[in-house]
Structures are given as C-alpha cells and as structure tokens.
C-alpha cells in the first residue's frame, strides 16, 4: 500500500512536469511514512519540503500543486499540513477490496 502511494506521487510529479506546471528535474526518492499521530492519516510524505530548495518555492505551495493533480480515488482525505507535509487517509472500501484480492490469490 505504501508503495502505491509513492507511485501515485511520482506519477503526479511526472504529469506536472509534462504539463509544465513543474520544471524538469530528477525526482528524488519519495519517502512515505506512517504519521506519529493517527489523526494525521494513514500515510504522510515530506516530498514538498524535499523539493522546495530545488524548485525555489515554499513547501506548502509545492504540496498544493501536487495534491491538486493527484489521483485521489483511493483516499478518503488528502491533507496539507504546515510546513508542507501531505497526509493521506486511505478509503476503507479500497483496503477491503485489497484484502479480498489477496485472499482470492491465495486460494488459487
């Protein structure tokens, strides 16, 4: 699941580069972690803060650009928190579907 969130962030950055909303640059390793507090969602990334120096923009601005273009179909909530964290809450339905898929594969 964590890898899927990383993949979505990377795809979004590449799309934004293609659309020229972000300049071309080598995308650094994207860190997605479990937040310290449950109220901050299921996963969190600091990618906007990592890109701030490279893009010469405030992390919060970069986080807004990323989240506006991010495919949010598997999230209940995507939240930006100062100074530029992006927090993700996964839809419970999506998690249930993934469990069923895993169980189905195990039976075959």
PDB file of N, CA and C in Angstrom:
ATOM      1  N   UNK A   1       0.825  -1.194   0.000  1.00  0.00           N
ATOM      2  CA  UNK A   1       0.000   0.000   0.000  1.00  0.00           C
ATOM      3  C   UNK A   1       0.868   1.257   0.000  1.00  0.00           C
ATOM      4  N   UNK A   2       1.880   1.244   0.852  1.00  0.00           N
ATOM      5  CA  UNK A   2       2.787   2.387   0.931  1.00  0.00           C
ATOM      6  C   UNK A   2       3.424   2.644  -0.440  1.00  0.00           C
ATOM      7  N   UNK A   3       3.817   1.561  -1.109  1.00  0.00           N
ATOM      8  CA  UNK A   3       4.438   1.686  -2.428  1.00  0.00           C
ATOM      9  C   UNK A   3       3.463   2.274  -3.445  1.00  0.00           C
ATOM     10  N   UNK A   4       2.189   1.977  -3.317  1.00  0.00           N
ATOM     11  CA  UNK A   4       1.170   2.536  -4.218  1.00  0.00           C
ATOM     12  C   UNK A   4       1.076   4.047  -4.035  1.00  0.00           C
ATOM     13  N   UNK A   5       1.171   4.526  -2.797  1.00  0.00           N
ATOM     14  CA  UNK A   5       1.132   5.968  -2.526  1.00  0.00           C
ATOM     15  C   UNK A   5       2.365   6.635  -3.140  1.00  0.00           C
ATOM     16  N   UNK A   6       3.530   6.017  -2.972  1.00  0.00           N
ATOM     17  CA  UNK A   6       4.763   6.541  -3.582  1.00  0.00           C
ATOM     18  C   UNK A   6       4.589   6.629  -5.095  1.00  0.00           C
ATOM     19  N   UNK A   7       4.052   5.578  -5.688  1.00  0.00           N
ATOM     20  CA  UNK A   7       3.841   5.534  -7.139  1.00  0.00           C
ATOM     21  C   UNK A   7       2.914   6.663  -7.595  1.00  0.00           C
ATOM     22  N   UNK A   8       1.832   6.894  -6.870  1.00  0.00           N
ATOM     23  CA  UNK A   8       0.894   7.966  -7.233  1.00  0.00           C
ATOM     24  C   UNK A   8       1.557   9.338  -7.164  1.00  0.00           C
ATOM     25  N   UNK A   9       2.368   9.568  -6.141  1.00  0.00           N
ATOM     26  CA  UNK A   9       3.067  10.850  -6.009  1.00  0.00           C
ATOM     27  C   UNK A   9       4.032  11.034  -7.175  1.00  0.00           C
ATOM     28  N   UNK A  10       4.796   9.995  -7.480  1.00  0.00           N
ATOM     29  CA  UNK A  10       5.758  10.075  -8.579  1.00  0.00           C
ATOM     30  C   UNK A  10       5.056  10.310  -9.916  1.00  0.00           C
ATOM     31  N   UNK A  11       3.974   9.597 -10.168  1.00  0.00           N
ATOM     32  CA  UNK A  11       3.206   9.790 -11.406  1.00  0.00           C
ATOM     33  C   UNK A  11       2.672  11.213 -11.500  1.00  0.00           C
ATOM     34  N   UNK A  12       2.239  11.759 -10.383  1.00  0.00           N
ATOM     35  CA  UNK A  12       1.704  13.119 -10.361  1.00  0.00           C
ATOM     36  C   UNK A  12       2.791  14.131 -10.684  1.00  0.00           C
ATOM     37  N   UNK A  13       3.969  13.966 -10.090  1.00  0.00           N
ATOM     38  CA  UNK A  13       5.078  14.887 -10.361  1.00  0.00           C
ATOM     39  C   UNK A  13       5.465  14.815 -11.837  1.00  0.00           C
ATOM     40  N   UNK A  14       5.542  13.614 -12.396  1.00  0.00           N
ATOM     41  CA  UNK A  14       5.875  13.465 -13.826  1.00  0.00           C
ATOM     42  C   UNK A  14       4.825  14.128 -14.709  1.00  0.00           C
ATOM     43  N   UNK A  15       3.558  13.973 -14.348  1.00  0.00           N
ATOM     44  CA  UNK A  15       2.476  14.615 -15.093  1.00  0.00           C
ATOM     45  C   UNK A  15       2.609  16.137 -15.021  1.00  0.00           C
ATOM     46  N   UNK A  16       2.891  16.653 -13.841  1.00  0.00           N
ATOM     47  CA  UNK A  16       3.047  18.102 -13.668  1.00  0.00           C
ATOM     48  C   UNK A  16       4.239  18.623 -14.461  1.00  0.00           C
ATOM     49  N   UNK A  17       5.297  17.836 -14.562  1.00  0.00           N
ATOM     50  CA  UNK A  17       6.440  18.228 -15.383  1.00  0.00           C
ATOM     51  C   UNK A  17       6.054  18.238 -16.863  1.00  0.00           C
ATOM     52  N   UNK A  18       5.335  17.224 -17.281  1.00  0.00           N
ATOM     53  CA  UNK A  18       4.900  17.134 -18.681  1.00  0.00           C
ATOM     54  C   UNK A  18       3.996  18.308 -19.045  1.00  0.00           C
ATOM     55  N   UNK A  19       3.125  18.698 -18.097  1.00  0.00           N
ATOM     56  CA  UNK A  19       2.210  19.820 -18.318  1.00  0.00           C
ATOM     57  C   UNK A  19       2.879  21.175 -18.074  1.00  0.00           C
ATOM     58  N   UNK A  20       4.162  21.132 -17.717  1.00  0.00           N
ATOM     59  CA  UNK A  20       4.976  22.326 -17.459  1.00  0.00           C
ATOM     60  C   UNK A  20       4.493  23.138 -16.256  1.00  0.00           C
ATOM     61  N   UNK A  21       3.785  22.468 -15.344  1.00  0.00           N
ATOM     62  CA  UNK A  21       3.397  23.117 -14.090  1.00  0.00           C
ATOM     63  C   UNK A  21       4.532  23.026 -13.076  1.00  0.00           C
ATOM     64  N   UNK A  22       5.430  22.067 -13.302  1.00  0.00           N
ATOM     65  CA  UNK A  22       6.678  21.959 -12.550  1.00  0.00           C
ATOM     66  C   UNK A  22       7.794  21.824 -13.574  1.00  0.00           C
ATOM     67  N   UNK A  23       8.982  22.372 -13.274  1.00  0.00           N
ATOM     68  CA  UNK A  23      10.098  22.225 -14.214  1.00  0.00           C
ATOM     69  C   UNK A  23      10.612  20.787 -14.224  1.00  0.00           C
ATOM     70  N   UNK A  24      11.393  20.467 -15.240  1.00  0.00           N
ATOM     71  CA  UNK A  24      12.002  19.135 -15.315  1.00  0.00           C
ATOM     72  C   UNK A  24      13.133  19.059 -14.284  1.00  0.00           C
ATOM     73  N   UNK A  25      13.174  17.986 -13.542  1.00  0.00           N
ATOM     74  CA  UNK A  25      14.246  17.709 -12.586  1.00  0.00           C
ATOM     75  C   UNK A  25      14.195  16.222 -12.282  1.00  0.00           C
ATOM     76  N   UNK A  26      15.290  15.709 -11.771  1.00  0.00           N
ATOM     77  CA  UNK A  26      15.308  14.307 -11.377  1.00  0.00           C
ATOM     78  C   UNK A  26      14.530  14.179 -10.071  1.00  0.00           C
ATOM     79  N   UNK A  27      13.539  13.331 -10.075  1.00  0.00           N
ATOM     80  CA  UNK A  27      12.691  13.161  -8.894  1.00  0.00           C
ATOM     81  C   UNK A  27      13.481  12.389  -7.839  1.00  0.00           C
ATOM     82  N   UNK A  28      13.627  12.974  -6.652  1.00  0.00           N
ATOM     83  CA  UNK A  28      14.358  12.269  -5.597  1.00  0.00           C
ATOM     84  C   UNK A  28      13.540  11.100  -5.053  1.00  0.00           C
ATOM     85  N   UNK A  29      14.174  10.285  -4.242  1.00  0.00           N
ATOM     86  CA  UNK A  29      13.448   9.192  -3.596  1.00  0.00           C
ATOM     87  C   UNK A  29      12.302   9.784  -2.783  1.00  0.00           C
ATOM     88  N   UNK A  30      11.131   9.222  -2.947  1.00  0.00           N
ATOM     89  CA  UNK A  30       9.940   9.722  -2.261  1.00  0.00           C
ATOM     90  C   UNK A  30       9.729   8.897  -1.002  1.00  0.00           C
ATOM     91  N   UNK A  31       9.759   9.585   0.118  1.00  0.00           N
ATOM     92  CA  UNK A  31       9.580   8.933   1.410  1.00  0.00           C
ATOM     93  C   UNK A  31       8.117   9.038   1.837  1.00  0.00           C
ATOM     94  N   UNK A  32       7.502   7.901   2.084  1.00  0.00           N
ATOM     95  CA  UNK A  32       6.137   7.855   2.612  1.00  0.00           C
ATOM     96  C   UNK A  32       6.210   7.063   3.911  1.00  0.00           C
ATOM     97  N   UNK A  33       5.778   7.688   4.980  1.00  0.00           N
ATOM     98  CA  UNK A  33       5.888   7.083   6.312  1.00  0.00           C
ATOM     99  C   UNK A  33       4.534   7.039   6.998  1.00  0.00           C
ATOM    100  N   UNK A  34       4.499   6.302   8.103  1.00  0.00           N
ATOM    101  CA  UNK A  34       3.313   6.305   8.957  1.00  0.00           C
ATOM    102  C   UNK A  34       3.426   7.517   9.877  1.00  0.00           C
ATOM    103  N   UNK A  35       2.388   8.366   9.957  1.00  0.00           N
ATOM    104  CA  UNK A  35       2.448   9.534  10.841  1.00  0.00           C
ATOM    105  C   UNK A  35       2.541   9.104  12.309  1.00  0.00           C
ATOM    106  N   UNK A  36       3.137   9.971  13.120  1.00  0.00           N
ATOM    107  CA  UNK A  36       3.253   9.687  14.552  1.00  0.00           C
ATOM    108  C   UNK A  36       1.884   9.617  15.217  1.00  0.00           C
ATOM    109  N   UNK A  37       0.970  10.465  14.768  1.00  0.00           N
ATOM    110  CA  UNK A  37      -0.368  10.506  15.361  1.00  0.00           C
ATOM    111  C   UNK A  37      -1.396  10.036  14.338  1.00  0.00           C
ATOM    112  N   UNK A  38      -2.320   9.208  14.799  1.00  0.00           N
ATOM    113  CA  UNK A  38      -3.347   8.638  13.934  1.00  0.00           C
ATOM    114  C   UNK A  38      -4.224   9.705  13.276  1.00  0.00           C
ATOM    115  N   UNK A  39      -4.388  10.846  13.924  1.00  0.00           N
ATOM    116  CA  UNK A  39      -5.231  11.913  13.362  1.00  0.00           C
ATOM    117  C   UNK A  39      -4.648  12.490  12.073  1.00  0.00           C
ATOM    118  N   UNK A  40      -3.368  12.197  11.806  1.00  0.00           N
ATOM    119  CA  UNK A  40      -2.715  12.702  10.592  1.00  0.00           C
ATOM    120  C   UNK A  40      -2.854  11.741   9.419  1.00  0.00           C
ATOM    121  N   UNK A  41      -3.720  10.744   9.550  1.00  0.00           N
ATOM    122  CA  UNK A  41      -3.986   9.846   8.438  1.00  0.00           C
ATOM    123  C   UNK A  41      -3.205   8.551   8.514  1.00  0.00           C
ATOM    124  N   UNK A  42      -3.239   7.823   7.403  1.00  0.00           N
ATOM    125  CA  UNK A  42      -2.577   6.521   7.319  1.00  0.00           C
ATOM    126  C   UNK A  42      -1.121   6.641   6.878  1.00  0.00           C
ATOM    127  N   UNK A  43      -0.844   7.625   6.017  1.00  0.00           N
ATOM    128  CA  UNK A  43       0.498   7.836   5.490  1.00  0.00           C
ATOM    129  C   UNK A  43       0.779   9.325   5.397  1.00  0.00           C
ATOM    130  N   UNK A  44       2.075   9.648   5.351  1.00  0.00           N
ATOM    131  CA  UNK A  44       2.489  11.044   5.248  1.00  0.00           C
ATOM    132  C   UNK A  44       3.768  11.114   4.417  1.00  0.00           C
ATOM    133  N   UNK A  45       3.927  12.202   3.669  1.00  0.00           N
ATOM    134  CA  UNK A  45       5.158  12.418   2.913  1.00  0.00           C
ATOM    135  C   UNK A  45       5.646  13.851   3.107  1.00  0.00           C
ATOM    136  N   UNK A  46       6.959  14.004   3.013  1.00  0.00           N
ATOM    137  CA  UNK A  46       7.574  15.322   3.096  1.00  0.00           C
ATOM    138  C   UNK A  46       8.182  15.723   1.751  1.00  0.00           C
ATOM    139  N   UNK A  47       7.702  15.136   0.659  1.00  0.00           N
ATOM    140  CA  UNK A  47       8.271  15.395  -0.664  1.00  0.00           C
ATOM    141  C   UNK A  47       8.260  16.880  -1.018  1.00  0.00           C
ATOM    142  N   UNK A  48       7.237  17.607  -0.602  1.00  0.00           N
ATOM    143  CA  UNK A  48       7.176  19.039  -0.920  1.00  0.00           C
ATOM    144  C   UNK A  48       8.328  19.788  -0.257  1.00  0.00           C
ATOM    145  N   UNK A  49       8.678  19.402   0.954  1.00  0.00           N
ATOM    146  CA  UNK A  49       9.797  20.043   1.646  1.00  0.00           C
ATOM    147  C   UNK A  49      11.118  19.662   0.989  1.00  0.00           C
ATOM    148  N   UNK A  50      11.223  18.426   0.519  1.00  0.00           N
ATOM    149  CA  UNK A  50      12.439  17.991  -0.165  1.00  0.00           C
ATOM    150  C   UNK A  50      12.651  18.726  -1.488  1.00  0.00           C
ATOM    151  N   UNK A  51      11.562  19.111  -2.139  1.00  0.00           N
ATOM    152  CA  UNK A  51      11.661  19.783  -3.440  1.00  0.00           C
ATOM    153  C   UNK A  51      11.765  21.300  -3.328  1.00  0.00           C
ATOM    154  N   UNK A  52      11.501  21.855  -2.169  1.00  0.00           N
ATOM    155  CA  UNK A  52      11.427  23.313  -2.001  1.00  0.00           C
ATOM    156  C   UNK A  52      12.700  24.022  -2.450  1.00  0.00           C
ATOM    157  N   UNK A  53      13.851  23.553  -2.027  1.00  0.00           N
ATOM    158  CA  UNK A  53      15.108  24.192  -2.413  1.00  0.00           C
ATOM    159  C   UNK A  53      15.362  24.094  -3.905  1.00  0.00           C
ATOM    160  N   UNK A  54      15.104  22.930  -4.461  1.00  0.00           N
ATOM    161  CA  UNK A  54      15.322  22.680  -5.888  1.00  0.00           C
ATOM    162  C   UNK A  54      14.410  23.557  -6.747  1.00  0.00           C
ATOM    163  N   UNK A  55      13.163  23.735  -6.296  1.00  0.00           N
ATOM    164  CA  UNK A  55      12.177  24.477  -7.085  1.00  0.00           C
ATOM    165  C   UNK A  55      12.073  25.947  -6.692  1.00  0.00           C
ATOM    166  N   UNK A  56      12.762  26.309  -5.619  1.00  0.00           N
ATOM    167  CA  UNK A  56      12.736  27.689  -5.117  1.00  0.00           C
ATOM    168  C   UNK A  56      11.306  28.172  -4.865  1.00  0.00           C
ATOM    169  N   UNK A  57      10.539  27.303  -4.223  1.00  0.00           N
ATOM    170  CA  UNK A  57       9.163  27.609  -3.828  1.00  0.00           C
ATOM    171  C   UNK A  57       8.978  27.161  -2.390  1.00  0.00           C
ATOM    172  N   UNK A  58       7.951  27.705  -1.761  1.00  0.00           N
ATOM    173  CA  UNK A  58       7.622  27.283  -0.405  1.00  0.00           C
ATOM    174  C   UNK A  58       7.062  25.860  -0.455  1.00  0.00           C
ATOM    175  N   UNK A  59       7.405  25.033   0.537  1.00  0.00           N
ATOM    176  CA  UNK A  59       6.892  23.656   0.554  1.00  0.00           C
ATOM    177  C   UNK A  59       5.369  23.586   0.486  1.00  0.00           C
ATOM    178  N   UNK A  60       4.708  24.500   1.146  1.00  0.00           N
ATOM    179  CA  UNK A  60       3.240  24.486   1.165  1.00  0.00           C
ATOM    180  C   UNK A  60       2.680  24.701  -0.245  1.00  0.00           C
ATOM    181  N   UNK A  61       3.346  25.550  -1.043  1.00  0.00           N
ATOM    182  CA  UNK A  61       2.917  25.790  -2.427  1.00  0.00           C
ATOM    183  C   UNK A  61       3.104  24.531  -3.275  1.00  0.00           C
ATOM    184  N   UNK A  62       4.231  23.863  -3.083  1.00  0.00           N
ATOM    185  CA  UNK A  62       4.506  22.634  -3.829  1.00  0.00           C
ATOM    186  C   UNK A  62       3.493  21.556  -3.447  1.00  0.00           C
ATOM    187  N   UNK A  63       3.200  21.446  -2.160  1.00  0.00           N
ATOM    188  CA  UNK A  63       2.211  20.462  -1.691  1.00  0.00           C
ATOM    189  C   UNK A  63       0.851  20.716  -2.334  1.00  0.00           C
ATOM    190  N   UNK A  64       0.463  21.979  -2.454  1.00  0.00           N
ATOM    191  CA  UNK A  64      -0.822  22.317  -3.086  1.00  0.00           C
ATOM    192  C   UNK A  64      -0.827  21.921  -4.556  1.00  0.00           C
ATOM    193  N   UNK A  65       0.266  22.201  -5.250  1.00  0.00           N
ATOM    194  CA  UNK A  65       0.366  21.852  -6.668  1.00  0.00           C
ATOM    195  C   UNK A  65       0.231  20.336  -6.846  1.00  0.00           C
ATOM    196  N   UNK A  66       0.930  19.585  -6.014  1.00  0.00           N
ATOM    197  CA  UNK A  66       0.894  18.118  -6.118  1.00  0.00           C
ATOM    198  C   UNK A  66      -0.500  17.583  -5.810  1.00  0.00           C
ATOM    199  N   UNK A  67      -1.097  18.032  -4.714  1.00  0.00           N
ATOM    200  CA  UNK A  67      -2.392  17.464  -4.304  1.00  0.00           C
ATOM    201  C   UNK A  67      -3.520  17.831  -5.259  1.00  0.00           C
ATOM    202  N   UNK A  68      -3.412  18.982  -5.928  1.00  0.00           N
ATOM    203  CA  UNK A  68      -4.461  19.376  -6.870  1.00  0.00           C
ATOM    204  C   UNK A  68      -4.508  18.453  -8.086  1.00  0.00           C
ATOM    205  N   UNK A  69      -3.375  17.844  -8.428  1.00  0.00           N
ATOM    206  CA  UNK A  69      -3.326  16.963  -9.600  1.00  0.00           C
ATOM    207  C   UNK A  69      -3.290  15.481  -9.239  1.00  0.00           C
ATOM    208  N   UNK A  70      -3.177  15.172  -7.976  1.00  0.00           N
ATOM    209  CA  UNK A  70      -3.062  13.792  -7.511  1.00  0.00           C
ATOM    210  C   UNK A  70      -4.360  13.018  -7.720  1.00  0.00           C
ATOM    211  N   UNK A  71      -4.242  11.801  -8.242  1.00  0.00           N
ATOM    212  CA  UNK A  71      -5.400  10.907  -8.343  1.00  0.00           C
ATOM    213  C   UNK A  71      -5.795  10.519  -6.922  1.00  0.00           C
ATOM    214  N   UNK A  72      -6.938  11.018  -6.483  1.00  0.00           N
ATOM    215  CA  UNK A  72      -7.349  10.820  -5.095  1.00  0.00           C
ATOM    216  C   UNK A  72      -8.404   9.730  -4.944  1.00  0.00           C
ATOM    217  N   UNK A  73      -8.531   8.872  -5.941  1.00  0.00           N
ATOM    218  CA  UNK A  73      -9.601   7.875  -5.926  1.00  0.00           C
ATOM    219  C   UNK A  73      -9.474   6.849  -4.803  1.00  0.00           C
ATOM    220  N   UNK A  74      -8.288   6.618  -4.275  1.00  0.00           N
ATOM    221  CA  UNK A  74      -8.176   5.644  -3.196  1.00  0.00           C
ATOM    222  C   UNK A  74      -8.065   6.287  -1.813  1.00  0.00           C
ATOM    223  N   UNK A  75      -8.247   7.611  -1.773  1.00  0.00           N
ATOM    224  CA  UNK A  75      -8.133   8.323  -0.497  1.00  0.00           C
ATOM    225  C   UNK A  75      -9.472   8.873  -0.024  1.00  0.00           C
ATOM    226  N   UNK A  76      -9.712   8.756   1.275  1.00  0.00           N
ATOM    227  CA  UNK A  76     -10.839   9.451   1.901  1.00  0.00           C
ATOM    228  C   UNK A  76     -10.505  10.925   2.042  1.00  0.00           C
ATOM    229  N   UNK A  77      -9.223  11.175   2.366  1.00  0.00           N
ATOM    230  CA  UNK A  77      -8.809  12.548   2.637  1.00  0.00           C
ATOM    231  C   UNK A  77      -7.331  12.701   2.306  1.00  0.00           C
ATOM    232  N   UNK A  78      -7.004  13.829   1.674  1.00  0.00           N
ATOM    233  CA  UNK A  78      -5.622  14.232   1.450  1.00  0.00           C
ATOM    234  C   UNK A  78      -5.511  15.619   2.058  1.00  0.00           C
ATOM    235  N   UNK A  79      -4.582  15.763   2.988  1.00  0.00           N
ATOM    236  CA  UNK A  79      -4.498  16.996   3.768  1.00  0.00           C
ATOM    237  C   UNK A  79      -3.073  17.543   3.727  1.00  0.00           C
ATOM    238  N   UNK A  80      -2.961  18.849   3.573  1.00  0.00           N
ATOM    239  CA  UNK A  80      -1.667  19.526   3.616  1.00  0.00           C
ATOM    240  C   UNK A  80      -1.521  20.147   4.997  1.00  0.00           C
ATOM    241  N   UNK A  81      -0.358  19.917   5.610  1.00  0.00           N
ATOM    242  CA  UNK A  81      -0.096  20.437   6.949  1.00  0.00           C
ATOM    243  C   UNK A  81       1.230  21.192   6.921  1.00  0.00           C
ATOM    244  N   UNK A  82       1.247  22.381   7.512  1.00  0.00           N
ATOM    245  CA  UNK A  82       2.477  23.178   7.605  1.00  0.00           C
ATOM    246  C   UNK A  82       3.595  22.330   8.191  1.00  0.00           C
ATOM    247  N   UNK A  83       4.792  22.469   7.728  1.00  0.00           N
ATOM    248  CA  UNK A  83       5.265  23.405   6.715  1.00  0.00           C
ATOM    249  C   UNK A  83       5.131  22.900   5.281  1.00  0.00           C
ATOM    250  N   UNK A  84       4.603  21.663   5.098  1.00  0.00           N
ATOM    251  CA  UNK A  84       4.442  21.149   3.744  1.00  0.00           C
ATOM    252  C   UNK A  84       4.264  19.644   3.688  1.00  0.00           C
ATOM    253  N   UNK A  85       3.884  19.050   4.805  1.00  0.00           N
ATOM    254  CA  UNK A  85       3.579  17.616   4.799  1.00  0.00           C
ATOM    255  C   UNK A  85       2.292  17.374   4.015  1.00  0.00           C
ATOM    256  N   UNK A  86       2.209  16.228   3.377  1.00  0.00           N
ATOM    257  CA  UNK A  86       0.965  15.790   2.746  1.00  0.00           C
ATOM    258  C   UNK A  86       0.557  14.502   3.458  1.00  0.00           C
ATOM    259  N   UNK A  87      -0.627  14.519   4.057  1.00  0.00           N
ATOM    260  CA  UNK A  87      -1.143  13.369   4.795  1.00  0.00           C
ATOM    261  C   UNK A  87      -2.256  12.702   3.996  1.00  0.00           C
ATOM    262  N   UNK A  88      -2.267  11.375   4.020  1.00  0.00           N
ATOM    263  CA  UNK A  88      -3.222  10.591   3.244  1.00  0.00           C
ATOM    264  C   UNK A  88      -4.016   9.662   4.153  1.00  0.00           C
ATOM    265  N   UNK A  89      -5.326   9.665   3.993  1.00  0.00           N
ATOM    266  CA  UNK A  89      -6.197   8.691   4.662  1.00  0.00           C
ATOM    267  C   UNK A  89      -6.792   7.800   3.576  1.00  0.00           C
ATOM    268  N   UNK A  90      -6.512   6.511   3.660  1.00  0.00           N
ATOM    269  CA  UNK A  90      -6.952   5.550   2.649  1.00  0.00           C
ATOM    270  C   UNK A  90      -8.422   5.209   2.861  1.00  0.00           C
ATOM    271  N   UNK A  91      -9.164   5.100   1.759  1.00  0.00           N
ATOM    272  CA  UNK A  91     -10.567   4.689   1.844  1.00  0.00           C
ATOM    273  C   UNK A  91     -10.641   3.275   2.402  1.00  0.00           C
ATOM    274  N   UNK A  92     -11.521   3.074   3.365  1.00  0.00           N
ATOM    275  CA  UNK A  92     -11.702   1.746   3.968  1.00  0.00           C
ATOM    276  C   UNK A  92     -12.157   0.738   2.910  1.00  0.00           C
ATOM    277  N   UNK A  93     -13.017   1.185   1.994  1.00  0.00           N
ATOM    278  CA  UNK A  93     -13.502   0.301   0.930  1.00  0.00           C
ATOM    279  C   UNK A  93     -12.339  -0.205   0.077  1.00  0.00           C
ATOM    280  N   UNK A  94     -11.378   0.676  -0.228  1.00  0.00           N
ATOM    281  CA  UNK A  94     -10.221   0.273  -1.019  1.00  0.00           C
ATOM    282  C   UNK A  94      -9.416  -0.797  -0.278  1.00  0.00           C
ATOM    283  N   UNK A  95      -9.218  -0.593   1.017  1.00  0.00           N
ATOM    284  CA  UNK A  95      -8.478  -1.569   1.816  1.00  0.00           C
ATOM    285  C   UNK A  95      -9.186  -2.920   1.830  1.00  0.00           C
ATOM    286  N   UNK A  96     -10.511  -2.887   1.971  1.00  0.00           N
ATOM    287  CA  UNK A  96     -11.285  -4.130   1.976  1.00  0.00           C
ATOM    288  C   UNK A  96     -11.153  -4.856   0.641  1.00  0.00           C
ATOM    289  N   UNK A  97     -11.189  -4.101  -0.457  1.00  0.00           N
ATOM    290  CA  UNK A  97     -11.041  -4.701  -1.786  1.00  0.00           C
ATOM    291  C   UNK A  97      -9.668  -5.352  -1.940  1.00  0.00           C
ATOM    292  N   UNK A  98      -8.641  -4.704  -1.391  1.00  0.00           N
ATOM    293  CA  UNK A  98      -7.287  -5.251  -1.472  1.00  0.00           C
ATOM    294  C   UNK A  98      -7.168  -6.552  -0.686  1.00  0.00           C
ATOM    295  N   UNK A  99      -7.822  -6.608   0.475  1.00  0.00           N
ATOM    296  CA  UNK A  99      -7.802  -7.824   1.292  1.00  0.00           C
ATOM    297  C   UNK A  99      -8.484  -8.971   0.549  1.00  0.00           C
ATOM    298  N   UNK A 100      -9.637  -8.690  -0.045  1.00  0.00           N
ATOM    299  CA  UNK A 100     -10.359  -9.714  -0.812  1.00  0.00           C
ATOM    300  C   UNK A 100      -9.490 -10.210  -1.969  1.00  0.00           C
ATOM    301  N   UNK A 101      -8.836  -9.291  -2.659  1.00  0.00           N
ATOM    302  CA  UNK A 101      -7.978  -9.665  -3.793  1.00  0.00           C
ATOM    303  C   UNK A 101      -6.821 -10.555  -3.332  1.00  0.00           C
ATOM    304  N   UNK A 102      -6.217 -10.207  -2.212  1.00  0.00           N
ATOM    305  CA  UNK A 102      -5.112 -11.008  -1.668  1.00  0.00           C
ATOM    306  C   UNK A 102      -5.599 -12.404  -1.290  1.00  0.00           C
ATOM    307  N   UNK A 103      -6.751 -12.462  -0.640  1.00  0.00           N
ATOM    308  CA  UNK A 103      -7.310 -13.761  -0.244  1.00  0.00           C
ATOM    309  C   UNK A 103      -7.659 -14.612  -1.461  1.00  0.00           C
ATOM    310  N   UNK A 104      -8.213 -13.978  -2.495  1.00  0.00           N
ATOM    311  CA  UNK A 104      -8.550 -14.702  -3.723  1.00  0.00           C
ATOM    312  C   UNK A 104      -7.301 -15.287  -4.374  1.00  0.00           C
ATOM    313  N   UNK A 105      -6.227 -14.523  -4.398  1.00  0.00           N
ATOM    314  CA  UNK A 105      -4.974 -15.003  -4.992  1.00  0.00           C
ATOM    315  C   UNK A 105      -4.409 -16.169  -4.194  1.00  0.00           C
ATOM    316  N   UNK A 106      -4.601 -16.112  -2.881  1.00  0.00           N
ATOM    317  CA  UNK A 106      -4.098 -17.177  -2.017  1.00  0.00           C
ATOM    318  C   UNK A 106      -4.828 -18.493  -2.209  1.00  0.00           C
ATOM    319  N   UNK A 107      -6.071 -18.426  -2.635  1.00  0.00           N
ATOM    320  CA  UNK A 107      -6.880 -19.632  -2.826  1.00  0.00           C
ATOM    321  C   UNK A 107      -6.581 -20.328  -4.145  1.00  0.00           C
ATOM    322  N   UNK A 108      -5.954 -19.653  -5.075  1.00  0.00           N
ATOM    323  CA  UNK A 108      -5.711 -20.213  -6.415  1.00  0.00           C
ATOM    324  C   UNK A 108      -4.436 -21.009  -6.467  1.00  0.00           C
TER     325      UNK A 108
END
